Protein backbone atom coordinates (compact mmCIF):
# COMPACT_ATOMS: atom_id res chain seq x y z
CA UNK A 1 -51.55 -33.55 -40.15
CA UNK A 2 -48.74 -36.06 -40.50
CA UNK A 3 -46.36 -33.28 -41.87
CA UNK A 4 -47.15 -30.99 -38.90
CA UNK A 5 -46.11 -34.03 -36.69
CA UNK A 6 -42.92 -34.92 -38.47
CA UNK A 7 -41.47 -31.36 -38.88
CA UNK A 8 -41.06 -30.62 -35.11
CA UNK A 9 -39.06 -33.96 -34.85
CA UNK A 10 -36.59 -32.84 -37.40
CA UNK A 11 -36.32 -29.48 -35.76
CA UNK A 12 -35.55 -31.22 -32.42
CA UNK A 13 -32.91 -33.25 -34.27
CA UNK A 14 -31.11 -30.22 -35.64
CA UNK A 15 -31.25 -28.66 -32.14
CA UNK A 16 -29.71 -31.62 -30.56
CA UNK A 17 -27.09 -32.04 -33.30
CA UNK A 18 -26.04 -28.36 -32.62
CA UNK A 19 -25.89 -29.07 -28.85
CA UNK A 20 -23.61 -32.01 -29.55
CA UNK A 21 -21.30 -29.87 -31.80
CA UNK A 22 -21.04 -27.37 -29.09
CA UNK A 23 -20.10 -29.90 -26.45
CA UNK A 24 -17.61 -31.45 -28.85
CA UNK A 25 -15.92 -28.11 -29.47
CA UNK A 26 -15.81 -27.59 -25.68
CA UNK A 27 -14.09 -31.08 -25.16
CA UNK A 28 -11.65 -30.73 -28.00
CA UNK A 29 -10.54 -27.16 -27.48
CA UNK A 30 -6.77 -26.54 -27.51
CA UNK A 31 -5.13 -26.08 -24.15
CA UNK A 32 -4.33 -22.55 -23.09
CA UNK A 33 -1.40 -20.93 -24.66
CA UNK A 34 -0.80 -17.95 -22.50
CA UNK A 35 2.37 -19.22 -21.05
CA UNK A 36 3.90 -21.17 -24.07
CA UNK A 37 6.71 -18.88 -24.78
CA UNK A 38 7.90 -18.69 -21.17
CA UNK A 39 7.18 -22.37 -20.47
CA UNK A 40 9.64 -23.32 -23.27
CA UNK A 41 12.31 -21.12 -21.76
CA UNK A 42 11.93 -22.99 -18.41
CA UNK A 43 12.26 -26.54 -19.62
CA UNK A 44 14.77 -28.43 -17.66
CA UNK A 45 18.20 -28.66 -19.33
CA UNK A 46 18.13 -32.39 -19.52
CA UNK A 47 14.78 -32.22 -21.49
CA UNK A 48 16.41 -29.72 -23.88
CA UNK A 49 19.11 -32.41 -24.87
CA UNK A 50 21.73 -29.94 -23.90
CA UNK A 51 24.55 -29.85 -21.21
CA UNK A 52 24.98 -27.39 -18.39
CA UNK A 53 28.08 -25.80 -19.99
CA UNK A 54 25.94 -24.15 -22.57
CA UNK A 55 24.24 -21.87 -19.99
CA UNK A 56 25.59 -18.36 -19.19
CA UNK A 57 28.24 -18.22 -16.68
CA UNK A 58 28.26 -22.10 -16.12
CA UNK A 59 31.98 -22.26 -16.25
CA UNK A 60 32.30 -19.58 -13.50
CA UNK A 61 29.63 -21.27 -11.41
CA UNK A 62 31.18 -24.73 -11.79
CA UNK A 63 33.75 -23.83 -9.10
CA UNK A 64 30.86 -23.40 -6.63
CA UNK A 65 28.78 -26.44 -7.73
CA UNK A 66 31.88 -28.75 -7.31
CA UNK A 67 30.93 -28.60 -3.57
CA UNK A 68 27.57 -27.08 -3.29
CA UNK A 69 26.16 -29.15 -6.07
CA UNK A 70 26.47 -32.48 -4.33
CA UNK A 71 26.06 -34.20 -0.93
CA UNK A 72 29.81 -34.24 -0.17
CA UNK A 73 32.96 -32.36 -0.93
CA UNK A 74 36.58 -32.98 -0.96
CA UNK A 75 39.41 -30.74 0.22
CA UNK A 76 43.10 -31.05 1.10
CA UNK A 77 43.96 -30.80 4.83
CA UNK A 78 47.25 -29.25 4.62
CA UNK A 79 47.89 -29.68 8.37
CA UNK A 80 47.39 -33.47 8.16
CA UNK A 81 48.74 -33.71 4.59
CA UNK A 82 45.68 -35.70 3.25
CA UNK A 83 42.55 -35.35 1.24
CA UNK A 84 39.40 -35.16 3.32
CA UNK A 85 35.73 -35.92 2.43
CA UNK A 86 33.13 -33.96 4.30
CA UNK A 87 29.28 -34.07 4.12
CA UNK A 88 27.67 -30.86 2.72
CA UNK A 89 24.84 -29.45 4.96
CA UNK A 90 21.64 -30.16 3.13
CA UNK A 91 20.56 -26.42 3.35
CA UNK A 92 23.70 -25.67 1.34
CA UNK A 93 23.27 -28.04 -1.45
CA UNK A 94 22.07 -26.47 -4.75
CA UNK A 95 21.17 -28.75 -7.52
CA UNK A 96 22.82 -27.34 -10.95
CA UNK A 97 19.70 -28.66 -12.85
CA UNK A 98 17.32 -26.64 -10.53
CA UNK A 99 19.48 -23.61 -10.66
CA UNK A 100 19.52 -23.53 -14.49
CA UNK A 101 15.88 -24.09 -14.57
CA UNK A 102 15.25 -21.04 -12.21
CA UNK A 103 14.62 -17.49 -13.08
CA UNK A 104 18.18 -16.38 -12.05
CA UNK A 105 19.96 -18.94 -14.04
CA UNK A 106 21.90 -16.24 -16.08
CA UNK A 107 23.72 -14.98 -13.07
CA UNK A 108 27.20 -15.88 -11.61
CA UNK A 109 27.06 -16.82 -8.03
CA UNK A 110 29.45 -13.96 -7.22
CA UNK A 111 26.85 -11.51 -8.88
CA UNK A 112 24.90 -11.91 -5.52
CA UNK A 113 27.69 -13.39 -3.19
CA UNK A 114 31.09 -11.78 -2.34
CA UNK A 115 33.90 -12.72 -4.62
CA UNK A 116 35.83 -13.81 -1.45
CA UNK A 117 33.76 -17.00 -1.84
CA UNK A 118 36.13 -18.02 -4.61
CA UNK A 119 38.70 -18.65 -1.91
CA UNK A 120 38.56 -21.87 -0.02
CA UNK A 121 38.15 -22.27 2.92
CA UNK A 122 35.58 -19.56 3.15
CA UNK A 123 36.15 -16.86 5.66
CA UNK A 124 33.56 -17.13 8.54
CA UNK A 125 32.68 -13.42 8.31
CA UNK A 126 31.14 -14.00 4.89
CA UNK A 127 28.17 -15.59 6.56
CA UNK A 128 27.33 -12.20 7.82
CA UNK A 129 27.17 -10.61 4.38
CA UNK A 130 24.08 -8.75 3.24
CA UNK A 131 21.53 -10.87 1.40
CA UNK A 132 19.93 -8.89 -1.59
CA UNK A 133 16.00 -8.70 -1.54
CA UNK A 134 13.96 -8.65 -4.80
CA UNK A 135 13.59 -4.89 -4.91
CA UNK A 136 17.39 -4.38 -4.51
CA UNK A 137 17.69 -5.50 -8.11
CA UNK A 138 14.19 -5.01 -9.59
CA UNK A 139 12.91 -1.73 -8.18
CA UNK A 140 12.31 0.92 -10.69
CA UNK A 141 13.54 -1.27 -13.68
CA UNK A 142 11.05 -0.82 -16.65
CA UNK A 143 12.24 -4.18 -18.08
CA UNK A 144 10.49 -5.81 -15.01
CA UNK A 145 7.52 -3.43 -14.73
CA UNK A 146 5.21 -6.28 -15.97
CA UNK A 147 5.85 -8.23 -12.86
CA UNK A 148 4.72 -5.38 -10.52
CA UNK A 149 7.40 -5.98 -7.87
CA UNK A 150 6.66 -2.71 -6.07
CA UNK A 151 3.13 -3.72 -5.60
CA UNK A 152 4.10 -7.13 -4.40
CA UNK A 153 6.54 -5.51 -1.94
CA UNK A 154 3.62 -3.19 -0.67
CA UNK A 155 1.36 -6.18 -0.05
CA UNK A 156 4.10 -8.13 1.65
CA UNK A 157 5.01 -5.24 3.93
CA UNK A 158 1.22 -5.22 4.96
CA UNK A 159 1.19 -8.98 5.61
CA UNK A 160 1.15 -10.75 8.87
CA UNK A 161 4.47 -12.29 8.02
CA UNK A 162 6.19 -8.94 7.74
CA UNK A 163 4.30 -7.32 10.62
CA UNK A 164 5.01 -10.13 13.00
CA UNK A 165 8.56 -11.02 12.08
CA UNK A 166 9.91 -7.73 10.48
CA UNK A 167 13.42 -8.12 8.96
CA UNK A 168 13.63 -11.75 9.99
CA UNK A 169 11.10 -12.55 7.17
CA UNK A 170 12.30 -11.83 3.78
CA UNK A 171 11.37 -12.71 0.18
CA UNK A 172 13.70 -15.75 0.38
CA UNK A 173 11.84 -17.34 3.28
CA UNK A 174 9.38 -18.44 0.55
CA UNK A 175 11.34 -18.00 -2.62
CA UNK A 176 14.67 -19.77 -2.73
CA UNK A 177 16.81 -17.56 -4.94
CA UNK A 178 18.65 -20.52 -6.34
CA UNK A 179 15.63 -22.38 -7.34
CA UNK A 180 12.71 -20.13 -7.62
CA UNK A 181 10.96 -19.83 -11.07
CA UNK A 182 7.73 -18.32 -12.16
CA UNK A 183 4.94 -20.81 -12.21
CA UNK A 184 1.51 -19.39 -12.20
CA UNK A 185 2.19 -17.19 -15.16
CA UNK A 186 3.74 -20.09 -17.25
CA UNK A 187 2.21 -23.29 -16.18
CA UNK A 188 -0.91 -24.33 -18.05
CA UNK A 189 -1.71 -27.06 -15.48
CA UNK A 190 -3.53 -25.39 -12.57
CA UNK A 191 -3.06 -28.41 -10.36
CA UNK A 192 0.77 -28.29 -10.60
CA UNK A 193 0.60 -24.61 -9.74
CA UNK A 194 -1.45 -25.42 -6.68
CA UNK A 195 1.04 -28.01 -5.62
CA UNK A 196 4.00 -25.67 -6.30
CA UNK A 197 2.50 -22.72 -4.46
CA UNK A 198 1.26 -24.83 -1.42
CA UNK A 199 4.72 -26.28 -1.12
CA UNK A 200 6.12 -22.99 -0.55
CA UNK A 201 3.75 -22.50 2.49
CA UNK A 202 4.31 -26.02 3.73
CA UNK A 203 7.99 -25.69 3.68
CA UNK A 204 7.73 -23.65 6.92
CA UNK A 205 4.25 -24.65 8.32
CA UNK A 206 4.94 -28.42 8.14
CA UNK A 207 8.67 -28.28 8.82
CA UNK A 208 9.29 -27.70 12.52
CA UNK A 209 12.87 -26.71 12.06
CA UNK A 210 12.14 -23.89 9.52
CA UNK A 211 9.20 -22.96 11.60
CA UNK A 212 11.27 -22.38 14.76
CA UNK A 213 13.50 -19.99 12.81
CA UNK A 214 10.79 -17.33 13.36
CA UNK A 215 9.01 -18.32 16.46
CA UNK A 216 9.46 -20.61 19.58
CA UNK A 217 5.64 -21.42 19.83
CA UNK A 218 4.47 -24.91 18.98
CA UNK A 219 3.83 -25.56 15.38
CA UNK A 220 0.10 -25.85 14.58
CA UNK A 221 -1.49 -29.11 13.40
CA UNK A 222 -2.70 -28.11 10.00
CA UNK A 223 -5.08 -31.00 9.55
CA UNK A 224 -6.79 -30.25 12.89
CA UNK A 225 -6.90 -26.48 12.42
CA UNK A 226 -8.77 -27.07 9.09
CA UNK A 227 -11.04 -29.79 10.33
CA UNK A 228 -13.97 -27.44 9.82
CA UNK A 229 -13.48 -27.46 6.05
CA UNK A 230 -15.76 -29.98 4.19
CA UNK A 231 -13.95 -32.31 1.76
CA UNK A 232 -10.73 -31.13 3.27
CA UNK A 233 -8.43 -33.36 1.11
CA UNK A 234 -10.20 -32.13 -2.14
CA UNK A 235 -9.97 -28.63 -1.08
CA UNK A 236 -6.26 -28.87 -0.30
CA UNK A 237 -5.69 -30.44 -3.70
CA UNK A 238 -7.64 -27.87 -5.62
CA UNK A 239 -6.98 -24.55 -3.93
CA UNK A 240 -3.94 -22.67 -2.85
CA UNK A 241 -3.39 -21.79 0.84
CA UNK A 242 -3.36 -18.03 -0.09
CA UNK A 243 -6.82 -18.05 -1.63
CA UNK A 244 -8.24 -18.25 1.88
CA UNK A 245 -5.35 -16.78 3.85
CA UNK A 246 -4.39 -13.71 1.73
CA UNK A 247 -6.07 -10.65 0.37
CA UNK A 248 -5.63 -9.48 -3.27
CA UNK A 249 -5.03 -5.86 -3.14
CA UNK A 250 -4.05 -5.30 -6.76
CA UNK A 251 -5.63 -7.05 -9.86
CA UNK A 252 -2.36 -6.51 -11.75
CA UNK A 253 -0.25 -8.53 -9.43
CA UNK A 254 -0.83 -12.24 -10.19
CA UNK A 255 -0.35 -13.71 -6.73
CA UNK A 256 -1.56 -12.17 -3.47
CA UNK A 257 1.23 -11.36 -0.82
CA UNK A 258 -0.77 -9.83 1.92
CA UNK A 259 -1.13 -12.85 4.10
CA UNK A 260 -3.76 -12.16 6.66
CA UNK A 261 -4.04 -13.32 10.45
CA UNK A 262 -5.76 -16.72 10.75
CA UNK A 263 -8.81 -15.02 12.44
CA UNK A 264 -9.42 -13.17 9.04
CA UNK A 265 -9.10 -16.34 6.85
CA UNK A 266 -12.08 -17.20 4.53
CA UNK A 267 -14.43 -19.52 6.01
CA UNK A 268 -17.53 -18.55 4.00
CA UNK A 269 -18.15 -21.05 1.14
CA UNK A 270 -20.04 -18.69 -1.12
CA UNK A 271 -16.98 -16.20 -1.17
CA UNK A 272 -15.54 -18.81 -3.63
CA UNK A 273 -18.33 -20.86 -4.70
CA UNK A 274 -20.70 -18.12 -6.16
CA UNK A 275 -21.36 -16.11 -9.28
CA UNK A 276 -18.42 -13.75 -8.28
CA UNK A 277 -16.00 -16.15 -6.90
CA UNK A 278 -12.91 -15.10 -5.31
CA UNK A 279 -11.05 -17.82 -7.17
CA UNK A 280 -11.75 -16.13 -10.53
CA UNK A 281 -9.95 -13.19 -9.23
CA UNK A 282 -6.88 -14.96 -8.17
CA UNK A 283 -6.18 -18.71 -8.87
CA UNK A 284 -8.18 -18.99 -12.01
CA UNK A 285 -8.19 -15.39 -13.27
CA UNK A 286 -5.50 -15.69 -15.93
CA UNK A 287 -6.88 -18.94 -17.29
CA UNK A 288 -10.35 -17.39 -17.53
CA UNK A 289 -9.17 -14.15 -19.23
CA UNK A 290 -7.17 -16.06 -21.79
CA UNK A 291 -10.06 -18.38 -22.62
CA UNK A 292 -12.42 -15.40 -22.91
CA UNK A 293 -9.95 -13.73 -25.32
CA UNK A 294 -9.57 -16.80 -27.29
CA UNK A 295 -13.11 -18.38 -27.27
CA UNK A 296 -15.42 -15.61 -26.22
CA UNK A 297 -17.01 -14.45 -22.84
CA UNK A 298 -19.61 -17.29 -22.59
CA UNK A 299 -17.10 -20.12 -22.87
CA UNK A 300 -14.64 -18.29 -20.57
CA UNK A 301 -17.21 -18.26 -17.79
CA UNK A 302 -18.64 -21.79 -18.30
CA UNK A 303 -15.46 -23.76 -18.92
CA UNK A 304 -13.42 -22.35 -16.05
CA UNK A 305 -12.23 -25.01 -13.60
CA UNK A 306 -13.42 -22.78 -10.69
CA UNK A 307 -16.35 -24.17 -9.00
CA UNK A 308 -19.46 -22.03 -9.04
CA UNK A 309 -22.46 -23.51 -7.20
CA UNK A 310 -25.15 -24.22 -9.74
CA UNK A 311 -23.18 -22.99 -12.77
CA UNK A 312 -19.88 -24.95 -12.99
CA UNK A 313 -19.76 -27.91 -15.45
CA UNK A 314 -19.09 -31.34 -14.31
CA UNK A 315 -17.41 -33.84 -16.44
CA UNK A 316 -19.44 -36.83 -15.24
CA UNK A 317 -22.79 -34.80 -15.83
CA UNK A 318 -21.44 -33.84 -19.35
CA UNK A 319 -20.92 -37.47 -20.19
CA UNK A 320 -24.33 -38.42 -18.94
CA UNK A 321 -25.92 -35.59 -20.83
CA UNK A 322 -24.13 -36.54 -24.02
CA UNK A 323 -25.40 -40.13 -23.52
CA UNK A 324 -29.05 -38.96 -22.97
CA UNK A 325 -28.74 -36.52 -25.95
CA UNK A 326 -27.40 -39.42 -28.14
CA UNK A 327 -30.15 -41.68 -26.95
CA UNK A 328 -32.88 -39.35 -27.73
CA UNK A 329 -31.34 -38.55 -31.24
CA UNK A 330 -31.19 -42.23 -31.89
CA UNK A 331 -34.95 -42.71 -30.71
CA UNK A 332 -36.19 -39.76 -32.87
CA UNK A 333 -34.24 -40.96 -35.85
CA UNK A 334 -35.38 -44.52 -35.59
CA UNK A 335 -39.08 -43.33 -34.98
CA UNK A 336 -38.91 -40.93 -38.04
CA UNK A 337 -37.44 -43.61 -40.36
CA UNK A 338 -40.06 -46.05 -39.29
CA UNK A 339 -42.81 -43.47 -39.96
CA UNK A 340 -41.46 -42.76 -43.37
CA UNK A 341 -41.31 -46.40 -44.20
CA UNK A 342 -44.76 -46.97 -42.90
CA UNK A 343 -45.97 -44.08 -45.05
């Protein structure tokens, strides 16, 4: 009778130890590596212990950065016969470090801008020159096929931004060609990606000067217009604007570009917090897919940072569970030892 009582105890201990091992593996898992190669190529020059002169075309660009890379510039006023300091307009200041961190860092300034800019003072007519869009360079190029520029452009053309503002709204309204860099594909830290992408939206929607470039209407109060959202601060810190305000037309394109009218924005909690969350299809889809490939389907579902009601893990609950399990194991172990001693 005594053996029948003790054996289940040891079976429970074994099961609990296996559970602890599974939790331990979950906590100690290596971070995602899907963006390691590209992330290393985007490390800031100062972090690479190198100087800007080692970047392609840096010598040719230095003439431009002498003025556009700082808050002031100096030139000789031949009429007055003296050197003059002038303040550079903030919109025309381009940080060399930011430029050589961007996706376009291998270009000369005159690859996109007229060579006439090499002359100073610049001719006023140059302000009217054509500004290239993404597809002017990337359309039909097989070397860029993985980025799906054509699909992104199709989504953008169907967006409220394009339909309302037509030619006035270009790629560069959101993506500064001098500083833009891939983030979602390369950054393992989702919170950083959220901040990076939301900043793109807020550059216009929270900056009245930029907002007025496209419309004369009053800039909306973003906090007030989102006051229906529970835990507003937490949502803003954890979700990109486009998760609720854009429609993902293609699964191959990483970021949705079809921005919807505000009347069509997501307001239903279960569209994100369910067993088929929209967030898994957009913000977290690359993380989830990589984890599934690396660690299997079950862990890919259960360890994603997306929040699924009733299914998502919670770090606090995990810790509490481990404490409870440890207490149970300790109690069973002490009980078993005492019974063996007594026997």
